[in-house]
Every structure is written in C-alpha cells, then in structure tokens.
C-alpha cells in the first residue's frame, strides 16, 4: 500500500483534528495555570499533563489499526514482509498524531510561560515519544486479539487508567513509570531529577520491546515468555530508578546558572529574571539598607538559589515580581528555617512567631501594610505595626528574642513588646 494511502485512511489522521482541538480547548487552562514564567523546563514539564489523554488516543488508534489487520486476515497469508514491517507504516501516522498532540500542548504551555528564545527539555521530549510509542504498540497488540468493538474502548479506558491514575496513588514511585509527576516541574530554583526520566524511559522501552516481540512472533509460547520477561525487567528497572524519589521529581537547580553582580550586597538572580533584574537589584538594596538601619543583620549576598550557603540569604521572589513585592521577598529570606522538631511533627511553640516577625521584617524593609493584607493574618499584622511604633532598641530586642524562639524547639516566643507572650 502506498504511504499516502496509508496516511489518508489511517485512524491517526482522522483523529488528529479532534485531538488537537481537545488539547487546545479542554486542557488549555490546566496547561497555562501553573507554568513558571519564562522557564523552558517548566513549560516542557507542564505539557506532559497532556500525556494522560494523548497516550490513550494513541492506544485506541493503535487498537483500531490492529483490528483492521485482524479483519483482513493478513496473518493467514504468506506475506513477503515481516509482521513488524507491516505494522510500522500503519502505526507511524498514529505515533505522529501523538507527537503533534504533545507539540500543541507544549506550544500552549510555552505561550503561557512567555519563554522567548530557547529550547524545551530534550529528555522530557524523548520520554514522551517512548511512552506514546508504548501506548500505540500495546493498543495494536490488543487490536490483533479482539474485534474493534471490544479492543478500542477497552484499550482507551485501560490506557487512561494506566496513564492518569498512578499520580494519585500513595506509592509515589509508580507514577514515574508512566511519566507522571513531570507536570509539577519546576520552579525557577529547581531542576528535573534525571532519575524520573530514566524510570519512564526504561519502563516505556520495555513495553515497546515486549509488544514488538508479540507482534513479530505472534502468540507463540517463547514469544509470550520473552515478552513477559522484558516487561518484568523494565518494571523492575523503572521501579529501581524511581526508588527514594519524592512526590515531585525535582532537585536544586545548579547555582552555576545564577547571574551575580558585584554590588553591595551581592545579588544573584536566575537568567529568567533578566527582564526585571535592574529593578529587583535596586529595590533589594533599598530594602537591605532599611533593615540594616533597624539593626537587622543581613548577609552580604542575596541569592535565588534553592539552598543558600551559610553566608547567603534567600531572595524569595518569583519571575512575576513587582517593585512592591521585593521588600517582602528580601524579608522572607531572613526568617530562620524551622528546627528538626517541627519537621518531625513534635511540639514547636516558635511557629507562633513566624507571622508577626515576618510582617515586621517586611514592613521594616519597606513593604506597605496593604501588600501584606493577603499574606499575614490581621492580628499578626496589627502586632507588627504596633511594634514598629516602639523605639529602635525595643524593636530590635523584640525581633532578636523571637528569632531565637523560632530557631529552638523548646523556647516560647515573647510577642508582647514588653517581653510577654502576647
């Protein structure tokens, strides 16, 4: 059969407009809502949300193509070409349909992120192609077994469950076998954990090889044994690769990507902040100057790194920051990390001080009370404003006293300006 004829009659060709329309209309909001502005890695990861729908579309179309061969009884004839050689041109338009669908999803998320010049993450794109091929081949195998009235709906439903549901399961590692969790990557200070890609790549490749064995050798006992062995090996390899990973497949972004200046204080920003770097640096230095005049010790370096060093402080801002929000971002980095008792779920009285102390730091750095209205509870904001009316010495004593309480597990904060618990 001529290639143009295959493309014309393929279920992938006929489904393509419907799939593209579904991605644009039904998934557009989800693909746009949580993407990190200007960050190609986040745009690429967010686009994988569409895998839960594009994958089943490929599986259903693959099942239809397999059922067509079953009805034509091609396997009963003495074909010159091998079964894989027959299947490949039939499934190629289906795979292309899936790739186009994922490309549209990427374009939607990239447009929402306003990424500009750059490249999507090639590792994520490669895993997407492998998983789409796995769905297509499995659908084709099932289509060769059953009539289309059974094969197509069963394959669609089974593929959707396999692609979409593992993200909600308590066994976190299972989601990575099917590329789940990648849509949560990444904030500006995060990179993708490569083991999430390895897990999906290993398992997806094993599924492809298992399906290829069954297509080529049909349902002979050795073929079934080999397919099961490949599938088990891929499952085990994928599970081992994802072992120990958390719910989000992220690691700290390399600090070598930061762009640092030589001012006082030194300020290090991610390249995605270039369009407002001048404003951020100017407003940050104003905030630091106000804090130092109040007696607050501020390190010589402000950084957007996920884990600042001991001689640095976190500049807690995002790519959409405005001048109004910079003082709060500077102040947030000065709040101490909670001690181990809080992380272990033990009693931690110092937690009561975070709201008032954070509000006082923000106001001292130059934030307006209005900008804190949605960040701080009204009583905590009122307390911070009351503290600001006191002498500089009294304010600094109040701050240092409660700062010590936040760093300890057994020290109660004294939020009253006179040293009482408040």
Protein backbone atom coordinates (compact mmCIF):
# COMPACT_ATOMS: atom_id res chain seq x y z
CA UNK A 1 0.00 0.00 0.00
CA UNK A 2 1.32 3.46 -0.87
CA UNK A 3 2.34 5.67 2.06
CA UNK A 4 -0.04 8.43 1.01
CA UNK A 5 -2.87 5.91 1.01
CA UNK A 6 -1.90 4.71 4.49
CA UNK A 7 -1.85 8.29 5.77
CA UNK A 8 -5.19 9.07 4.13
CA UNK A 9 -7.07 6.11 5.62
CA UNK A 10 -5.25 5.99 8.97
CA UNK A 11 -7.25 6.46 12.16
CA UNK A 12 -4.42 8.71 13.36
CA UNK A 13 -5.03 11.12 10.50
CA UNK A 14 -8.75 11.24 11.20
CA UNK A 15 -8.34 11.65 14.95
CA UNK A 16 -5.67 14.35 14.71
CA UNK A 17 -8.02 17.38 14.38
CA UNK A 18 -10.14 16.10 17.27
CA UNK A 19 -7.07 15.54 19.45
CA UNK A 20 -5.61 18.97 18.71
CA UNK A 21 -8.98 20.59 19.41
CA UNK A 22 -9.28 18.70 22.70
CA UNK A 23 -5.82 19.79 23.84
CA UNK A 24 -6.45 23.44 22.95
CA UNK A 25 -10.00 23.69 24.27
CA UNK A 26 -10.15 21.27 27.21
CA UNK A 27 -6.58 21.37 28.53
CA UNK A 28 -5.54 24.95 27.80
CA UNK A 29 -6.33 26.27 31.29
CA UNK A 30 -4.53 23.42 33.03
CA UNK A 31 -1.52 23.78 30.76
CA UNK A 32 -1.32 27.52 31.48
CA UNK A 33 -2.27 27.95 35.11
CA UNK A 34 0.77 26.65 36.99
CA UNK A 35 3.62 27.06 34.50
CA UNK A 36 6.62 29.06 35.74
CA UNK A 37 7.02 32.23 33.62
CA UNK A 38 10.00 32.39 31.25
CA UNK A 39 11.26 28.90 32.22
CA UNK A 40 11.51 26.40 29.34
CA UNK A 41 11.93 23.44 31.70
CA UNK A 42 8.65 24.26 33.44
CA UNK A 43 6.84 24.73 30.12
CA UNK A 44 8.10 21.34 28.90
CA UNK A 45 7.21 19.59 32.15
CA UNK A 46 3.76 21.17 32.34
CA UNK A 47 2.99 19.98 28.80
CA UNK A 48 3.31 16.34 29.95
CA UNK A 49 -0.09 16.76 31.59
CA UNK A 50 -1.49 16.04 28.14
CA UNK A 51 0.11 12.56 28.14
CA UNK A 52 -2.83 11.24 30.16
CA UNK A 53 -5.08 11.99 27.18
CA UNK A 54 -2.81 11.79 24.14
CA UNK A 55 -1.46 8.39 25.23
CA UNK A 56 -4.92 6.78 25.34
CA UNK A 57 -5.74 8.34 21.96
CA UNK A 58 -2.67 6.63 20.50
CA UNK A 59 -3.61 3.35 22.20
CA UNK A 60 -7.16 3.47 20.84
CA UNK A 61 -5.99 4.32 17.33
CA UNK A 62 -3.37 1.56 17.54
CA UNK A 63 -6.08 -0.91 18.54
CA UNK A 64 -8.17 0.14 15.54
CA UNK A 65 -5.25 -0.42 13.18
CA UNK A 66 -4.60 -3.84 14.73
CA UNK A 67 -8.25 -4.78 14.34
CA UNK A 68 -8.13 -3.78 10.66
CA UNK A 69 -5.32 -6.28 10.08
CA UNK A 70 -7.23 -8.89 12.06
CA UNK A 71 -10.31 -8.43 9.87
CA UNK A 72 -8.19 -8.58 6.71
CA UNK A 73 -6.60 -11.87 7.93
CA UNK A 74 -3.17 -10.67 6.87
CA UNK A 75 -1.52 -13.13 9.25
CA UNK A 76 -3.19 -16.04 7.43
CA UNK A 77 -1.49 -15.12 4.18
CA UNK A 78 2.07 -15.71 3.02
CA UNK A 79 3.31 -12.13 3.38
CA UNK A 80 6.66 -11.13 1.91
CA UNK A 81 7.30 -8.62 4.67
CA UNK A 82 7.68 -9.41 8.35
CA UNK A 83 4.82 -8.59 10.75
CA UNK A 84 6.81 -5.66 12.15
CA UNK A 85 7.43 -4.31 8.66
CA UNK A 86 3.69 -4.48 8.02
CA UNK A 87 2.79 -2.84 11.34
CA UNK A 88 5.29 0.01 11.20
CA UNK A 89 3.75 2.05 8.32
CA UNK A 90 0.27 1.54 9.78
CA UNK A 91 1.31 2.81 13.22
CA UNK A 92 3.55 5.65 12.07
CA UNK A 93 0.63 8.07 11.42
CA UNK A 94 -0.76 7.18 14.87
CA UNK A 95 2.56 8.00 16.52
CA UNK A 96 2.81 11.21 14.51
CA UNK A 97 -0.68 12.10 15.74
CA UNK A 98 0.51 11.69 19.33
CA UNK A 99 3.66 13.73 18.73
CA UNK A 100 1.62 16.54 17.14
CA UNK A 101 -0.79 16.48 20.09
CA UNK A 102 2.07 16.79 22.59
CA UNK A 103 3.65 19.53 20.46
CA UNK A 104 0.43 21.52 20.63
CA UNK A 105 0.38 21.05 24.42
CA UNK A 106 3.96 22.33 24.60
CA UNK A 107 3.11 25.36 22.45
CA UNK A 108 0.19 26.21 24.76
CA UNK A 109 2.28 25.97 27.94
CA UNK A 110 5.24 27.77 26.34
CA UNK A 111 2.99 30.62 25.22
CA UNK A 112 1.55 30.91 28.73
CA UNK A 113 5.08 30.98 30.17
CA UNK A 114 6.23 33.57 27.61
CA UNK A 115 9.51 31.69 27.35
CA UNK A 116 11.04 33.56 24.43
CA UNK A 117 14.09 32.10 22.71
CA UNK A 118 15.37 28.79 23.99
CA UNK A 119 14.87 25.06 23.82
CA UNK A 120 12.44 22.66 25.52
CA UNK A 121 13.96 19.91 27.63
CA UNK A 122 15.04 17.19 25.20
CA UNK A 123 14.98 14.49 27.88
CA UNK A 124 11.29 15.07 28.57
CA UNK A 125 10.52 15.15 24.85
CA UNK A 126 12.33 11.84 24.36
CA UNK A 127 10.40 10.18 27.18
CA UNK A 128 7.13 11.45 25.71
CA UNK A 129 7.89 9.79 22.36
CA UNK A 130 8.80 6.49 24.07
CA UNK A 131 5.58 6.49 26.11
CA UNK A 132 3.45 7.37 23.08
CA UNK A 133 5.07 4.50 21.15
CA UNK A 134 4.40 2.14 24.08
CA UNK A 135 0.71 3.09 24.14
CA UNK A 136 0.44 2.71 20.37
CA UNK A 137 2.12 -0.70 20.25
CA UNK A 138 0.12 -2.12 23.17
CA UNK A 139 -3.08 -0.93 21.52
CA UNK A 140 -2.04 -2.61 18.27
CA UNK A 141 -1.36 -5.93 20.06
CA UNK A 142 -4.78 -5.85 21.70
CA UNK A 143 -6.41 -4.91 18.42
CA UNK A 144 -4.92 -8.04 16.84
CA UNK A 145 -6.61 -10.13 19.56
CA UNK A 146 -10.11 -8.66 19.69
CA UNK A 147 -12.76 -7.20 17.45
CA UNK A 148 -12.69 -3.38 17.25
CA UNK A 149 -15.95 -3.02 19.18
CA UNK A 150 -14.12 -4.54 22.16
CA UNK A 151 -10.49 -3.64 21.51
CA UNK A 152 -10.88 0.13 21.03
CA UNK A 153 -12.96 1.04 24.11
CA UNK A 154 -11.14 -1.41 26.39
CA UNK A 155 -7.77 -0.09 25.22
CA UNK A 156 -8.85 3.53 25.62
CA UNK A 157 -10.09 3.00 29.17
CA UNK A 158 -7.17 0.82 30.25
CA UNK A 159 -4.64 3.26 28.81
CA UNK A 160 -6.28 6.23 30.52
CA UNK A 161 -6.26 4.44 33.88
CA UNK A 162 -2.62 3.39 33.42
CA UNK A 163 -1.50 6.89 32.40
CA UNK A 164 -3.60 9.11 34.66
CA UNK A 165 -4.30 7.28 37.91
CA UNK A 166 -0.81 6.40 39.25
CA UNK A 167 -0.21 10.07 40.11
CA UNK A 168 -2.90 9.80 42.78
CA UNK A 169 -1.60 6.59 44.37
CA UNK A 170 0.22 6.57 47.69
CA UNK A 171 3.08 4.50 46.23
CA UNK A 172 4.87 7.52 44.76
CA UNK A 173 7.39 5.64 42.61
CA UNK A 174 4.69 4.10 40.39
CA UNK A 175 3.82 7.47 38.85
CA UNK A 176 7.28 7.81 37.35
CA UNK A 177 6.93 4.61 35.31
CA UNK A 178 4.36 6.34 33.10
CA UNK A 179 5.85 9.83 33.19
CA UNK A 180 3.57 11.06 35.96
CA UNK A 181 4.64 13.96 38.15
CA UNK A 182 6.65 15.67 35.42
CA UNK A 183 3.91 18.29 35.08
CA UNK A 184 4.91 19.61 38.53
CA UNK A 185 8.40 20.54 37.31
CA UNK A 186 9.71 23.14 38.02
CA UNK A 187 10.06 26.37 39.98
CA UNK A 188 12.89 28.70 38.96
CA UNK A 189 15.24 27.33 41.61
CA UNK A 190 14.55 23.71 40.67
CA UNK A 191 15.83 21.29 38.04
CA UNK A 192 14.38 17.98 36.91
CA UNK A 193 15.59 14.85 38.68
CA UNK A 194 17.02 12.80 35.82
CA UNK A 195 16.01 9.54 37.51
CA UNK A 196 12.36 10.36 36.79
CA UNK A 197 13.21 10.30 33.08
CA UNK A 198 15.27 7.13 33.44
CA UNK A 199 12.39 5.36 35.19
CA UNK A 200 9.86 6.25 32.47
CA UNK A 201 12.36 5.61 29.69
CA UNK A 202 13.31 2.14 30.96
CA UNK A 203 9.72 1.04 31.52
CA UNK A 204 8.42 2.54 28.28
CA UNK A 205 11.20 0.94 26.25
CA UNK A 206 10.49 -2.44 27.87
CA UNK A 207 6.81 -2.15 26.96
CA UNK A 208 7.74 -1.31 23.35
CA UNK A 209 10.10 -4.28 23.10
CA UNK A 210 7.55 -6.64 24.66
CA UNK A 211 4.88 -5.52 22.21
CA UNK A 212 7.32 -5.79 19.30
CA UNK A 213 8.14 -9.39 20.25
CA UNK A 214 4.45 -10.29 20.35
CA UNK A 215 3.80 -8.57 17.01
CA UNK A 216 6.69 -10.27 15.25
CA UNK A 217 6.38 -13.78 16.71
CA UNK A 218 2.65 -13.67 17.44
CA UNK A 219 1.31 -15.72 20.35
CA UNK A 220 3.88 -18.49 20.44
CA UNK A 221 4.91 -19.67 23.89
CA UNK A 222 8.54 -18.47 23.58
CA UNK A 223 7.32 -15.06 22.42
CA UNK A 224 4.94 -14.71 25.35
CA UNK A 225 7.66 -15.77 27.82
CA UNK A 226 10.14 -13.33 26.29
CA UNK A 227 7.57 -10.50 26.35
CA UNK A 228 6.72 -11.14 29.99
CA UNK A 229 10.42 -11.27 30.89
CA UNK A 230 11.09 -7.97 29.12
CA UNK A 231 8.09 -6.35 30.79
CA UNK A 232 9.11 -7.60 34.23
CA UNK A 233 12.67 -6.41 33.70
CA UNK A 234 11.51 -2.99 32.59
CA UNK A 235 9.13 -2.72 35.52
CA UNK A 236 11.89 -3.66 37.95
CA UNK A 237 14.40 -1.32 36.33
CA UNK A 238 11.94 1.55 36.29
CA UNK A 239 10.96 0.95 39.89
CA UNK A 240 14.61 0.81 40.99
CA UNK A 241 15.35 4.06 39.16
CA UNK A 242 12.49 5.84 40.94
CA UNK A 243 13.28 4.38 44.37
CA UNK A 244 13.54 7.02 47.06
CA UNK A 245 12.16 9.87 44.95
CA UNK A 246 9.58 12.18 46.46
CA UNK A 247 6.24 13.25 45.06
CA UNK A 248 7.86 15.91 42.87
CA UNK A 249 10.71 14.88 40.53
CA UNK A 250 12.89 17.90 41.25
CA UNK A 251 16.34 18.75 42.58
CA UNK A 252 18.01 22.06 43.34
CA UNK A 253 18.98 23.97 40.22
CA UNK A 254 22.78 24.32 39.71
CA UNK A 255 24.00 27.59 41.19
CA UNK A 256 26.26 27.98 38.17
CA UNK A 257 23.18 29.18 36.27
CA UNK A 258 22.86 32.22 38.54
CA UNK A 259 23.85 35.67 37.28
CA UNK A 260 25.53 37.61 40.09
CA UNK A 261 26.63 41.25 40.18
CA UNK A 262 29.35 42.87 42.27
CA UNK A 263 27.31 45.40 44.19
CA UNK A 264 26.72 45.71 47.92
CA UNK A 265 25.04 43.46 48.79
CA UNK A 266 25.83 40.99 46.01
CA UNK A 267 22.62 39.83 44.31
CA UNK A 268 22.34 36.57 42.33
CA UNK A 269 19.37 36.05 40.01
CA UNK A 270 18.32 33.35 37.56
CA UNK A 271 18.66 34.23 33.86
CA UNK A 272 14.85 34.19 33.51
CA UNK A 273 14.81 37.37 35.66
CA UNK A 274 16.82 39.41 33.15
CA UNK A 275 13.83 41.50 32.05
CA UNK A 276 13.46 42.96 35.55
CA UNK A 277 16.91 42.36 37.05
CA UNK A 278 17.70 46.09 37.30
CA UNK A 279 14.53 46.79 39.27
CA UNK A 280 15.00 43.79 41.56
CA UNK A 281 18.59 44.72 42.40
CA UNK A 282 17.73 48.36 43.07
CA UNK A 283 14.71 47.59 45.26
CA UNK A 284 16.56 44.80 47.09
CA UNK A 285 19.39 47.12 48.04
CA UNK A 286 16.92 49.72 49.31
CA UNK A 287 15.25 47.03 51.45
CA UNK A 288 18.59 45.80 52.81
CA UNK A 289 19.62 49.33 53.72
CA UNK A 290 16.39 49.87 55.69
CA UNK A 291 16.81 46.56 57.52
CA UNK A 292 20.42 47.29 58.44
CA UNK A 293 19.46 50.72 59.76
CA UNK A 294 17.00 48.93 62.04
CA UNK A 295 19.83 46.72 63.34
CA UNK A 296 18.92 43.55 61.43
CA UNK A 297 21.94 41.56 60.27
CA UNK A 298 21.71 40.86 56.52
CA UNK A 299 24.33 38.63 54.79
CA UNK A 300 26.49 40.13 52.06
CA UNK A 301 24.84 38.00 49.34
CA UNK A 302 21.18 37.67 48.37
CA UNK A 303 20.53 34.68 46.12
CA UNK A 304 17.61 32.98 44.42
CA UNK A 305 19.28 29.58 44.87
CA UNK A 306 17.12 26.86 46.37
CA UNK A 307 19.60 26.26 49.20
CA UNK A 308 21.66 29.33 50.07
CA UNK A 309 25.03 28.85 51.77
CA UNK A 310 25.62 29.87 55.36
CA UNK A 311 26.96 33.28 54.26
CA UNK A 312 23.98 33.96 51.96
CA UNK A 313 20.29 34.63 52.39
CA UNK A 314 17.39 33.59 50.19
CA UNK A 315 15.85 36.19 47.91
CA UNK A 316 12.33 34.75 47.91
CA UNK A 317 10.90 36.22 44.72
CA UNK A 318 9.46 34.82 41.50
CA UNK A 319 9.68 35.84 37.85
CA UNK A 320 6.50 37.92 38.03
CA UNK A 321 7.67 40.04 40.96
CA UNK A 322 6.94 43.77 41.05
CA UNK A 323 8.73 46.52 42.93
CA UNK A 324 6.05 46.37 45.62
CA UNK A 325 6.81 42.73 46.39
CA UNK A 326 10.61 42.90 46.55
CA UNK A 327 10.84 44.03 50.22
CA UNK A 328 8.72 41.06 51.27
CA UNK A 329 10.95 38.74 49.24
CA UNK A 330 14.06 40.10 50.99
CA UNK A 331 12.40 39.82 54.41
CA UNK A 332 11.18 36.26 53.84
CA UNK A 333 14.74 35.06 53.33
CA UNK A 334 15.72 36.30 56.78
CA UNK A 335 13.21 34.09 58.57
CA UNK A 336 15.02 31.06 60.04
CA UNK A 337 14.37 27.52 58.90
CA UNK A 338 12.19 25.57 61.32
CA UNK A 339 14.16 23.16 63.54
CA UNK A 340 14.00 19.37 63.37
CA UNK A 341 11.22 19.13 65.94
CA UNK A 342 8.82 20.88 63.56
CA UNK A 343 9.79 18.61 60.68
CA UNK A 344 9.16 15.55 62.86
CA UNK A 345 5.72 16.72 63.93
CA UNK A 346 6.76 17.45 67.52
CA UNK A 347 5.57 20.40 69.57
CA UNK A 348 7.11 23.62 68.29
CA UNK A 349 5.97 26.79 70.09
CA UNK A 350 8.19 29.04 67.97
CA UNK A 351 5.84 28.65 64.99
CA UNK A 352 3.57 31.33 66.50
CA UNK A 353 6.26 33.94 65.86
CA UNK A 354 6.62 33.49 62.10
CA UNK A 355 3.64 35.62 61.13
CA UNK A 356 4.35 38.67 63.34
CA UNK A 357 8.14 38.58 62.84
CA UNK A 358 7.79 38.12 59.07
CA UNK A 359 5.35 41.03 58.91
CA UNK A 360 7.69 43.24 60.97
CA UNK A 361 10.64 42.41 58.73
CA UNK A 362 8.60 43.16 55.61
CA UNK A 363 7.33 46.48 56.94
CA UNK A 364 10.81 47.44 58.10
CA UNK A 365 12.17 46.59 54.65
CA UNK A 366 9.69 48.97 53.05
CA UNK A 367 6.60 46.89 52.29
CA UNK A 368 3.23 48.58 52.66
CA UNK A 369 0.61 47.13 55.04
CA UNK A 370 -1.75 46.78 52.08
CA UNK A 371 0.69 44.47 50.26
CA UNK A 372 0.73 42.17 53.31
CA UNK A 373 -3.04 42.00 53.76
CA UNK A 374 -3.37 38.68 51.91
CA UNK A 375 -0.16 37.21 53.33
CA UNK A 376 -0.49 37.81 57.07
CA UNK A 377 -3.41 37.34 59.46
CA UNK A 378 -4.88 40.71 60.56
CA UNK A 379 -3.94 40.27 64.28
CA UNK A 380 -0.34 39.43 63.32
CA UNK A 381 -0.11 42.44 61.00
CA UNK A 382 -1.58 44.68 63.70
CA UNK A 383 1.01 43.39 66.21
CA UNK A 384 3.85 44.08 63.77
CA UNK A 385 2.56 47.62 63.17
CA UNK A 386 2.36 48.16 66.94
CA UNK A 387 5.98 47.04 67.34
CA UNK A 388 7.05 49.49 64.63
CA UNK A 389 5.83 52.37 66.80
CA UNK A 390 8.33 51.49 69.53
CA UNK A 391 11.91 52.69 69.84
CA UNK A 392 14.55 51.17 67.59
CA UNK A 393 16.14 49.45 70.59
CA UNK A 394 12.84 47.92 71.71
CA UNK A 395 12.05 46.72 68.18
CA UNK A 396 15.43 45.06 67.76
CA UNK A 397 15.16 43.35 71.16
CA UNK A 398 11.69 42.06 70.24
CA UNK A 399 12.97 40.73 66.91
CA UNK A 400 16.06 39.01 68.36
CA UNK A 401 14.06 37.48 71.21
CA UNK A 402 11.51 35.89 68.91
CA UNK A 403 14.10 35.00 66.30
CA UNK A 404 15.81 32.82 68.92
CA UNK A 405 12.47 31.18 69.73
CA UNK A 406 11.92 30.27 66.07
CA UNK A 407 15.30 28.55 65.94
CA UNK A 408 14.72 26.39 69.03
CA UNK A 409 12.34 23.57 69.83
CA UNK A 410 11.64 24.41 73.47
CA UNK A 411 11.60 28.23 73.66
CA UNK A 412 8.28 30.03 73.70
CA UNK A 413 8.12 33.27 71.72
CA UNK A 414 7.52 36.51 73.60
CA UNK A 415 5.42 38.50 71.20
CA UNK A 416 4.44 41.25 73.63
CA UNK A 417 6.61 44.34 73.24
CA UNK A 418 7.32 44.22 76.97
CA UNK A 419 8.62 40.66 76.73
CA UNK A 420 5.30 38.93 77.49
CA UNK A 421 3.95 36.08 75.43
CA UNK A 422 1.47 38.44 73.74
